[in-house]
Amino acid sequence: HTPGQVVIDLLWIATREDLSGQSCQLLYDTESGEPQAMEISVQRTLTLLFVRLAYITYAAWKTPEG
Protein backbone atom coordinates (compact mmCIF):
# COMPACT_ATOMS: atom_id res chain seq x y z
CA HIS A 1 0.00 0.00 0.00
CA THR A 2 0.94 3.63 -0.24
CA PRO A 3 0.78 5.95 2.80
CA GLY A 4 -2.81 7.08 3.26
CA GLN A 5 -4.32 4.35 1.08
CA VAL A 6 -4.84 0.58 1.27
CA VAL A 7 -6.30 -1.18 -1.80
CA ILE A 8 -8.20 -4.45 -1.28
CA ASP A 9 -8.96 -6.73 -4.27
CA LEU A 10 -11.02 -9.91 -4.46
CA LEU A 11 -9.09 -13.03 -5.34
CA TRP A 12 -9.16 -13.76 -9.10
CA ILE A 13 -10.33 -10.22 -9.92
CA ALA A 14 -8.53 -10.35 -13.30
CA THR A 15 -10.79 -13.19 -14.49
CA ARG A 16 -13.93 -11.03 -14.52
CA GLU A 17 -15.07 -8.91 -17.44
CA ASP A 18 -16.70 -6.18 -15.30
CA LEU A 19 -14.44 -5.17 -12.43
CA SER A 20 -17.04 -2.93 -10.74
CA GLY A 21 -17.38 -3.74 -7.06
CA GLN A 22 -14.44 -6.15 -7.12
CA SER A 23 -12.06 -3.95 -5.15
CA CYS A 24 -12.12 -1.10 -2.68
CA GLN A 25 -9.68 1.29 -1.12
CA LEU A 26 -9.45 2.53 2.44
CA LEU A 27 -8.27 6.12 2.74
CA TYR A 28 -6.80 7.24 6.04
CA ASP A 29 -4.94 10.17 7.59
CA THR A 30 -1.21 9.39 7.44
CA GLU A 31 -0.42 11.28 10.64
CA SER A 32 -3.17 10.04 12.96
CA GLY A 33 -3.97 6.73 11.23
CA GLU A 34 -7.70 7.58 11.45
CA PRO A 35 -9.89 6.30 8.59
CA GLN A 36 -11.37 8.96 6.29
CA ALA A 37 -13.39 6.98 3.76
CA MET A 38 -13.80 3.71 1.93
CA GLU A 39 -14.30 3.83 -1.82
CA ILE A 40 -15.50 1.03 -4.12
CA SER A 41 -14.30 0.33 -7.66
CA VAL A 42 -16.38 1.33 -10.66
CA GLN A 43 -15.41 0.23 -14.15
CA ARG A 44 -15.72 2.85 -16.88
CA THR A 45 -15.08 2.61 -20.61
CA LEU A 46 -13.69 5.05 -23.11
CA THR A 47 -14.10 4.47 -26.85
CA LEU A 48 -11.63 6.03 -29.28
CA LEU A 49 -12.49 5.25 -32.90
CA PHE A 50 -12.44 1.44 -32.95
CA VAL A 51 -10.68 0.90 -29.62
CA ARG A 52 -12.55 0.43 -26.35
CA LEU A 53 -10.54 1.03 -23.19
CA ALA A 54 -11.79 -0.07 -19.78
CA TYR A 55 -10.41 1.50 -16.62
CA ILE A 56 -11.21 1.55 -12.92
CA THR A 57 -12.07 4.58 -10.81
CA TYR A 58 -13.19 4.67 -7.19
CA ALA A 59 -16.47 6.17 -5.95
CA ALA A 60 -17.46 7.10 -2.39
CA TRP A 61 -18.90 4.08 -0.56
CA LYS A 62 -18.63 4.41 3.22
CA THR A 63 -17.39 6.97 5.73
CA PRO A 64 -16.76 6.71 9.46
CA GLU A 65 -19.52 7.85 11.79
CA GLY A 66 -19.14 11.52 12.76
PDB file of N, CA and C in Angstrom:
ATOM      1  N   HIS A   1       0.837  -1.184   0.000  1.00  0.00           N
ATOM      2  CA  HIS A   1       0.000   0.000   0.000  1.00  0.00           C
ATOM      3  C   HIS A   1       0.869   1.229   0.000  1.00  0.00           C
ATOM      4  N   THR A   2       0.243   2.357  -0.307  1.00  0.00           N
ATOM      5  CA  THR A   2       0.940   3.633  -0.236  1.00  0.00           C
ATOM      6  C   THR A   2       0.433   4.352   1.006  1.00  0.00           C
ATOM      7  N   PRO A   3       1.241   5.236   1.606  1.00  0.00           N
ATOM      8  CA  PRO A   3       0.782   5.952   2.803  1.00  0.00           C
ATOM      9  C   PRO A   3      -0.540   6.675   2.540  1.00  0.00           C
ATOM     10  N   GLY A   4      -1.506   6.435   3.391  1.00  0.00           N
ATOM     11  CA  GLY A   4      -2.813   7.078   3.263  1.00  0.00           C
ATOM     12  C   GLY A   4      -3.824   6.284   2.464  1.00  0.00           C
ATOM     13  N   GLN A   5      -3.417   5.108   1.939  1.00  0.00           N
ATOM     14  CA  GLN A   5      -4.320   4.345   1.076  1.00  0.00           C
ATOM     15  C   GLN A   5      -3.973   2.856   1.126  1.00  0.00           C
ATOM     16  N   VAL A   6      -4.993   2.032   1.333  1.00  0.00           N
ATOM     17  CA  VAL A   6      -4.841   0.580   1.268  1.00  0.00           C
ATOM     18  C   VAL A   6      -5.865   0.069   0.262  1.00  0.00           C
ATOM     19  N   VAL A   7      -5.408  -0.639  -0.780  1.00  0.00           N
ATOM     20  CA  VAL A   7      -6.301  -1.181  -1.803  1.00  0.00           C
ATOM     21  C   VAL A   7      -6.538  -2.660  -1.513  1.00  0.00           C
ATOM     22  N   ILE A   8      -7.806  -3.075  -1.558  1.00  0.00           N
ATOM     23  CA  ILE A   8      -8.199  -4.455  -1.278  1.00  0.00           C
ATOM     24  C   ILE A   8      -8.904  -5.004  -2.512  1.00  0.00           C
ATOM     25  N   ASP A   9      -8.373  -6.096  -3.084  1.00  0.00           N
ATOM     26  CA  ASP A   9      -8.962  -6.728  -4.271  1.00  0.00           C
ATOM     27  C   ASP A   9      -9.474  -8.108  -3.913  1.00  0.00           C
ATOM     28  N   LEU A  10     -10.550  -8.534  -4.581  1.00  0.00           N
ATOM     29  CA  LEU A  10     -11.021  -9.907  -4.460  1.00  0.00           C
ATOM     30  C   LEU A  10     -10.040 -10.830  -5.172  1.00  0.00           C
ATOM     31  N   LEU A  11      -9.921 -12.039  -4.687  1.00  0.00           N
ATOM     32  CA  LEU A  11      -9.094 -13.029  -5.341  1.00  0.00           C
ATOM     33  C   LEU A  11      -9.645 -13.325  -6.727  1.00  0.00           C
ATOM     34  N   TRP A  12      -8.806 -13.477  -7.710  1.00  0.00           N
ATOM     35  CA  TRP A  12      -9.161 -13.763  -9.098  1.00  0.00           C
ATOM     36  C   TRP A  12      -9.899 -12.605  -9.778  1.00  0.00           C
ATOM     37  N   ILE A  13      -9.661 -11.391  -9.334  1.00  0.00           N
ATOM     38  CA  ILE A  13     -10.333 -10.222  -9.917  1.00  0.00           C
ATOM     39  C   ILE A  13     -10.079 -10.121 -11.421  1.00  0.00           C
ATOM     40  N   ALA A  14      -8.894 -10.503 -11.885  1.00  0.00           N
ATOM     41  CA  ALA A  14      -8.532 -10.354 -13.296  1.00  0.00           C
ATOM     42  C   ALA A  14      -9.316 -11.292 -14.211  1.00  0.00           C
ATOM     43  N   THR A  15     -10.045 -12.252 -13.660  1.00  0.00           N
ATOM     44  CA  THR A  15     -10.791 -13.193 -14.492  1.00  0.00           C
ATOM     45  C   THR A  15     -12.194 -12.692 -14.828  1.00  0.00           C
ATOM     46  N   ARG A  16     -12.578 -11.553 -14.291  1.00  0.00           N
ATOM     47  CA  ARG A  16     -13.930 -11.029 -14.519  1.00  0.00           C
ATOM     48  C   ARG A  16     -13.927  -9.945 -15.587  1.00  0.00           C
ATOM     49  N   GLU A  17     -14.985  -9.914 -16.381  1.00  0.00           N
ATOM     50  CA  GLU A  17     -15.070  -8.907 -17.435  1.00  0.00           C
ATOM     51  C   GLU A  17     -15.382  -7.525 -16.866  1.00  0.00           C
ATOM     52  N   ASP A  18     -16.336  -7.456 -15.932  1.00  0.00           N
ATOM     53  CA  ASP A  18     -16.698  -6.181 -15.302  1.00  0.00           C
ATOM     54  C   ASP A  18     -16.077  -6.155 -13.914  1.00  0.00           C
ATOM     55  N   LEU A  19     -15.163  -5.232 -13.694  1.00  0.00           N
ATOM     56  CA  LEU A  19     -14.438  -5.170 -12.428  1.00  0.00           C
ATOM     57  C   LEU A  19     -15.127  -4.286 -11.383  1.00  0.00           C
ATOM     58  N   SER A  20     -16.314  -3.757 -11.701  1.00  0.00           N
ATOM     59  CA  SER A  20     -17.040  -2.926 -10.741  1.00  0.00           C
ATOM     60  C   SER A  20     -17.332  -3.717  -9.470  1.00  0.00           C
ATOM     61  N   GLY A  21     -17.079  -3.112  -8.345  1.00  0.00           N
ATOM     62  CA  GLY A  21     -17.383  -3.735  -7.064  1.00  0.00           C
ATOM     63  C   GLY A  21     -16.437  -4.854  -6.669  1.00  0.00           C
ATOM     64  N   GLN A  22     -15.364  -5.055  -7.413  1.00  0.00           N
ATOM     65  CA  GLN A  22     -14.443  -6.149  -7.125  1.00  0.00           C
ATOM     66  C   GLN A  22     -13.258  -5.725  -6.272  1.00  0.00           C
ATOM     67  N   SER A  23     -13.121  -4.440  -6.022  1.00  0.00           N
ATOM     68  CA  SER A  23     -12.058  -3.951  -5.150  1.00  0.00           C
ATOM     69  C   SER A  23     -12.533  -2.688  -4.443  1.00  0.00           C
ATOM     70  N   CYS A  24     -11.829  -2.335  -3.401  1.00  0.00           N
ATOM     71  CA  CYS A  24     -12.124  -1.103  -2.679  1.00  0.00           C
ATOM     72  C   CYS A  24     -10.813  -0.533  -2.164  1.00  0.00           C
ATOM     73  N   GLN A  25     -10.860   0.697  -1.717  1.00  0.00           N
ATOM     74  CA  GLN A  25      -9.678   1.289  -1.119  1.00  0.00           C
ATOM     75  C   GLN A  25     -10.074   2.029   0.142  1.00  0.00           C
ATOM     76  N   LEU A  26      -9.258   1.852   1.157  1.00  0.00           N
ATOM     77  CA  LEU A  26      -9.447   2.526   2.440  1.00  0.00           C
ATOM     78  C   LEU A  26      -8.506   3.711   2.469  1.00  0.00           C
ATOM     79  N   LEU A  27      -9.058   4.897   2.644  1.00  0.00           N
ATOM     80  CA  LEU A  27      -8.267   6.118   2.743  1.00  0.00           C
ATOM     81  C   LEU A  27      -8.182   6.518   4.203  1.00  0.00           C
ATOM     82  N   TYR A  28      -6.977   6.857   4.642  1.00  0.00           N
ATOM     83  CA  TYR A  28      -6.798   7.240   6.037  1.00  0.00           C
ATOM     84  C   TYR A  28      -5.791   8.371   6.160  1.00  0.00           C
ATOM     85  N   ASP A  29      -5.850   9.076   7.295  1.00  0.00           N
ATOM     86  CA  ASP A  29      -4.939  10.168   7.589  1.00  0.00           C
ATOM     87  C   ASP A  29      -3.574   9.571   7.934  1.00  0.00           C
ATOM     88  N   THR A  30      -2.533   9.978   7.218  1.00  0.00           N
ATOM     89  CA  THR A  30      -1.214   9.386   7.435  1.00  0.00           C
ATOM     90  C   THR A  30      -0.610   9.747   8.792  1.00  0.00           C
ATOM     91  N   GLU A  31      -0.998  10.872   9.348  1.00  0.00           N
ATOM     92  CA  GLU A  31      -0.420  11.283  10.639  1.00  0.00           C
ATOM     93  C   GLU A  31      -1.111  10.603  11.812  1.00  0.00           C
ATOM     94  N   SER A  32      -2.435  10.599  11.818  1.00  0.00           N
ATOM     95  CA  SER A  32      -3.169  10.043  12.957  1.00  0.00           C
ATOM     96  C   SER A  32      -3.534   8.572  12.768  1.00  0.00           C
ATOM     97  N   GLY A  33      -3.548   8.099  11.510  1.00  0.00           N
ATOM     98  CA  GLY A  33      -3.969   6.732  11.226  1.00  0.00           C
ATOM     99  C   GLY A  33      -5.482   6.559  11.242  1.00  0.00           C
ATOM    100  N   GLU A  34      -6.236   7.636  11.404  1.00  0.00           N
ATOM    101  CA  GLU A  34      -7.696   7.582  11.449  1.00  0.00           C
ATOM    102  C   GLU A  34      -8.274   7.383  10.052  1.00  0.00           C
ATOM    103  N   PRO A  35      -9.268   6.504   9.914  1.00  0.00           N
ATOM    104  CA  PRO A  35      -9.892   6.305   8.595  1.00  0.00           C
ATOM    105  C   PRO A  35     -10.669   7.540   8.153  1.00  0.00           C
ATOM    106  N   GLN A  36     -10.630   7.821   6.854  1.00  0.00           N
ATOM    107  CA  GLN A  36     -11.367   8.958   6.291  1.00  0.00           C
ATOM    108  C   GLN A  36     -12.538   8.493   5.436  1.00  0.00           C
ATOM    109  N   ALA A  37     -12.327   7.465   4.640  1.00  0.00           N
ATOM    110  CA  ALA A  37     -13.389   6.980   3.756  1.00  0.00           C
ATOM    111  C   ALA A  37     -13.000   5.631   3.173  1.00  0.00           C
ATOM    112  N   MET A  38     -14.026   4.915   2.709  1.00  0.00           N
ATOM    113  CA  MET A  38     -13.799   3.705   1.931  1.00  0.00           C
ATOM    114  C   MET A  38     -14.489   3.923   0.599  1.00  0.00           C
ATOM    115  N   GLU A  39     -13.765   3.641  -0.479  1.00  0.00           N
ATOM    116  CA  GLU A  39     -14.301   3.827  -1.819  1.00  0.00           C
ATOM    117  C   GLU A  39     -14.339   2.481  -2.534  1.00  0.00           C
ATOM    118  N   ILE A  40     -15.346   2.294  -3.398  1.00  0.00           N
ATOM    119  CA  ILE A  40     -15.503   1.031  -4.125  1.00  0.00           C
ATOM    120  C   ILE A  40     -15.193   1.257  -5.610  1.00  0.00           C
ATOM    121  N   SER A  41     -14.700   0.210  -6.249  1.00  0.00           N
ATOM    122  CA  SER A  41     -14.305   0.332  -7.657  1.00  0.00           C
ATOM    123  C   SER A  41     -15.519   0.398  -8.578  1.00  0.00           C
ATOM    124  N   VAL A  42     -15.365   1.190  -9.623  1.00  0.00           N
ATOM    125  CA  VAL A  42     -16.381   1.334 -10.656  1.00  0.00           C
ATOM    126  C   VAL A  42     -15.646   1.278 -11.993  1.00  0.00           C
ATOM    127  N   GLN A  43     -16.051   0.339 -12.853  1.00  0.00           N
ATOM    128  CA  GLN A  43     -15.405   0.234 -14.153  1.00  0.00           C
ATOM    129  C   GLN A  43     -16.057   1.194 -15.125  1.00  0.00           C
ATOM    130  N   ARG A  44     -15.252   1.923 -15.856  1.00  0.00           N
ATOM    131  CA  ARG A  44     -15.725   2.853 -16.876  1.00  0.00           C
ATOM    132  C   ARG A  44     -15.066   2.469 -18.204  1.00  0.00           C
ATOM    133  N   THR A  45     -15.671   2.877 -19.294  1.00  0.00           N
ATOM    134  CA  THR A  45     -15.084   2.608 -20.607  1.00  0.00           C
ATOM    135  C   THR A  45     -14.954   3.901 -21.397  1.00  0.00           C
ATOM    136  N   LEU A  46     -13.953   3.921 -22.227  1.00  0.00           N
ATOM    137  CA  LEU A  46     -13.687   5.050 -23.106  1.00  0.00           C
ATOM    138  C   LEU A  46     -13.466   4.472 -24.506  1.00  0.00           C
ATOM    139  N   THR A  47     -14.224   4.965 -25.483  1.00  0.00           N
ATOM    140  CA  THR A  47     -14.095   4.469 -26.848  1.00  0.00           C
ATOM    141  C   THR A  47     -13.443   5.538 -27.714  1.00  0.00           C
ATOM    142  N   LEU A  48     -12.346   5.149 -28.356  1.00  0.00           N
ATOM    143  CA  LEU A  48     -11.632   6.025 -29.280  1.00  0.00           C
ATOM    144  C   LEU A  48     -11.588   5.333 -30.638  1.00  0.00           C
ATOM    145  N   LEU A  49     -12.346   5.859 -31.579  1.00  0.00           N
ATOM    146  CA  LEU A  49     -12.490   5.250 -32.897  1.00  0.00           C
ATOM    147  C   LEU A  49     -12.941   3.804 -32.764  1.00  0.00           C
ATOM    148  N   PHE A  50     -12.063   2.848 -33.011  1.00  0.00           N
ATOM    149  CA  PHE A  50     -12.441   1.436 -32.950  1.00  0.00           C
ATOM    150  C   PHE A  50     -11.878   0.730 -31.725  1.00  0.00           C
ATOM    151  N   VAL A  51     -11.313   1.476 -30.809  1.00  0.00           N
ATOM    152  CA  VAL A  51     -10.678   0.899 -29.621  1.00  0.00           C
ATOM    153  C   VAL A  51     -11.502   1.238 -28.386  1.00  0.00           C
ATOM    154  N   ARG A  52     -11.813   0.229 -27.606  1.00  0.00           N
ATOM    155  CA  ARG A  52     -12.551   0.426 -26.352  1.00  0.00           C
ATOM    156  C   ARG A  52     -11.602   0.158 -25.189  1.00  0.00           C
ATOM    157  N   LEU A  53     -11.419   1.152 -24.342  1.00  0.00           N
ATOM    158  CA  LEU A  53     -10.543   1.031 -23.189  1.00  0.00           C
ATOM    159  C   LEU A  53     -11.381   0.980 -21.919  1.00  0.00           C
ATOM    160  N   ALA A  54     -11.101   0.029 -21.072  1.00  0.00           N
ATOM    161  CA  ALA A  54     -11.789  -0.066 -19.778  1.00  0.00           C
ATOM    162  C   ALA A  54     -10.799   0.327 -18.696  1.00  0.00           C
ATOM    163  N   TYR A  55     -11.266   1.095 -17.723  1.00  0.00           N
ATOM    164  CA  TYR A  55     -10.411   1.505 -16.615  1.00  0.00           C
ATOM    165  C   TYR A  55     -11.236   1.551 -15.339  1.00  0.00           C
ATOM    166  N   ILE A  56     -10.559   1.558 -14.228  1.00  0.00           N
ATOM    167  CA  ILE A  56     -11.210   1.553 -12.916  1.00  0.00           C
ATOM    168  C   ILE A  56     -11.032   2.906 -12.242  1.00  0.00           C
ATOM    169  N   THR A  57     -12.117   3.409 -11.683  1.00  0.00           N
ATOM    170  CA  THR A  57     -12.071   4.580 -10.808  1.00  0.00           C
ATOM    171  C   THR A  57     -12.711   4.155  -9.488  1.00  0.00           C
ATOM    172  N   TYR A  58     -12.586   4.982  -8.501  1.00  0.00           N
ATOM    173  CA  TYR A  58     -13.189   4.669  -7.195  1.00  0.00           C
ATOM    174  C   TYR A  58     -14.217   5.733  -6.841  1.00  0.00           C
ATOM    175  N   ALA A  59     -15.366   5.276  -6.323  1.00  0.00           N
ATOM    176  CA  ALA A  59     -16.470   6.166  -5.946  1.00  0.00           C
ATOM    177  C   ALA A  59     -16.705   6.039  -4.438  1.00  0.00           C
ATOM    178  N   ALA A  60     -17.178   7.110  -3.832  1.00  0.00           N
ATOM    179  CA  ALA A  60     -17.463   7.102  -2.389  1.00  0.00           C
ATOM    180  C   ALA A  60     -18.400   5.946  -2.039  1.00  0.00           C
ATOM    181  N   TRP A  61     -18.098   5.242  -0.967  1.00  0.00           N
ATOM    182  CA  TRP A  61     -18.896   4.085  -0.559  1.00  0.00           C
ATOM    183  C   TRP A  61     -19.306   4.228   0.892  1.00  0.00           C
ATOM    184  N   LYS A  62     -18.329   4.313   1.793  1.00  0.00           N
ATOM    185  CA  LYS A  62     -18.626   4.412   3.221  1.00  0.00           C
ATOM    186  C   LYS A  62     -17.696   5.424   3.876  1.00  0.00           C
ATOM    187  N   THR A  63     -18.201   6.065   4.930  1.00  0.00           N
ATOM    188  CA  THR A  63     -17.386   6.975   5.734  1.00  0.00           C
ATOM    189  C   THR A  63     -17.583   6.651   7.203  1.00  0.00           C
ATOM    190  N   PRO A  64     -16.600   6.972   8.038  1.00  0.00           N
ATOM    191  CA  PRO A  64     -16.763   6.709   9.465  1.00  0.00           C
ATOM    192  C   PRO A  64     -17.879   7.566  10.042  1.00  0.00           C
ATOM    193  N   GLU A  65     -18.478   7.065  11.116  1.00  0.00           N
ATOM    194  CA  GLU A  65     -19.517   7.853  11.787  1.00  0.00           C
ATOM    195  C   GLU A  65     -18.902   9.105  12.380  1.00  0.00           C
ATOM    196  N   GLY A  66     -19.650  10.215  12.305  1.00  0.00           N
ATOM    197  CA  GLY A  66     -19.142  11.516  12.759  1.00  0.00           C
ATOM    198  C   GLY A  66     -19.430  11.834  14.171  1.00  0.00           C
TER     199      GLY A  66
END
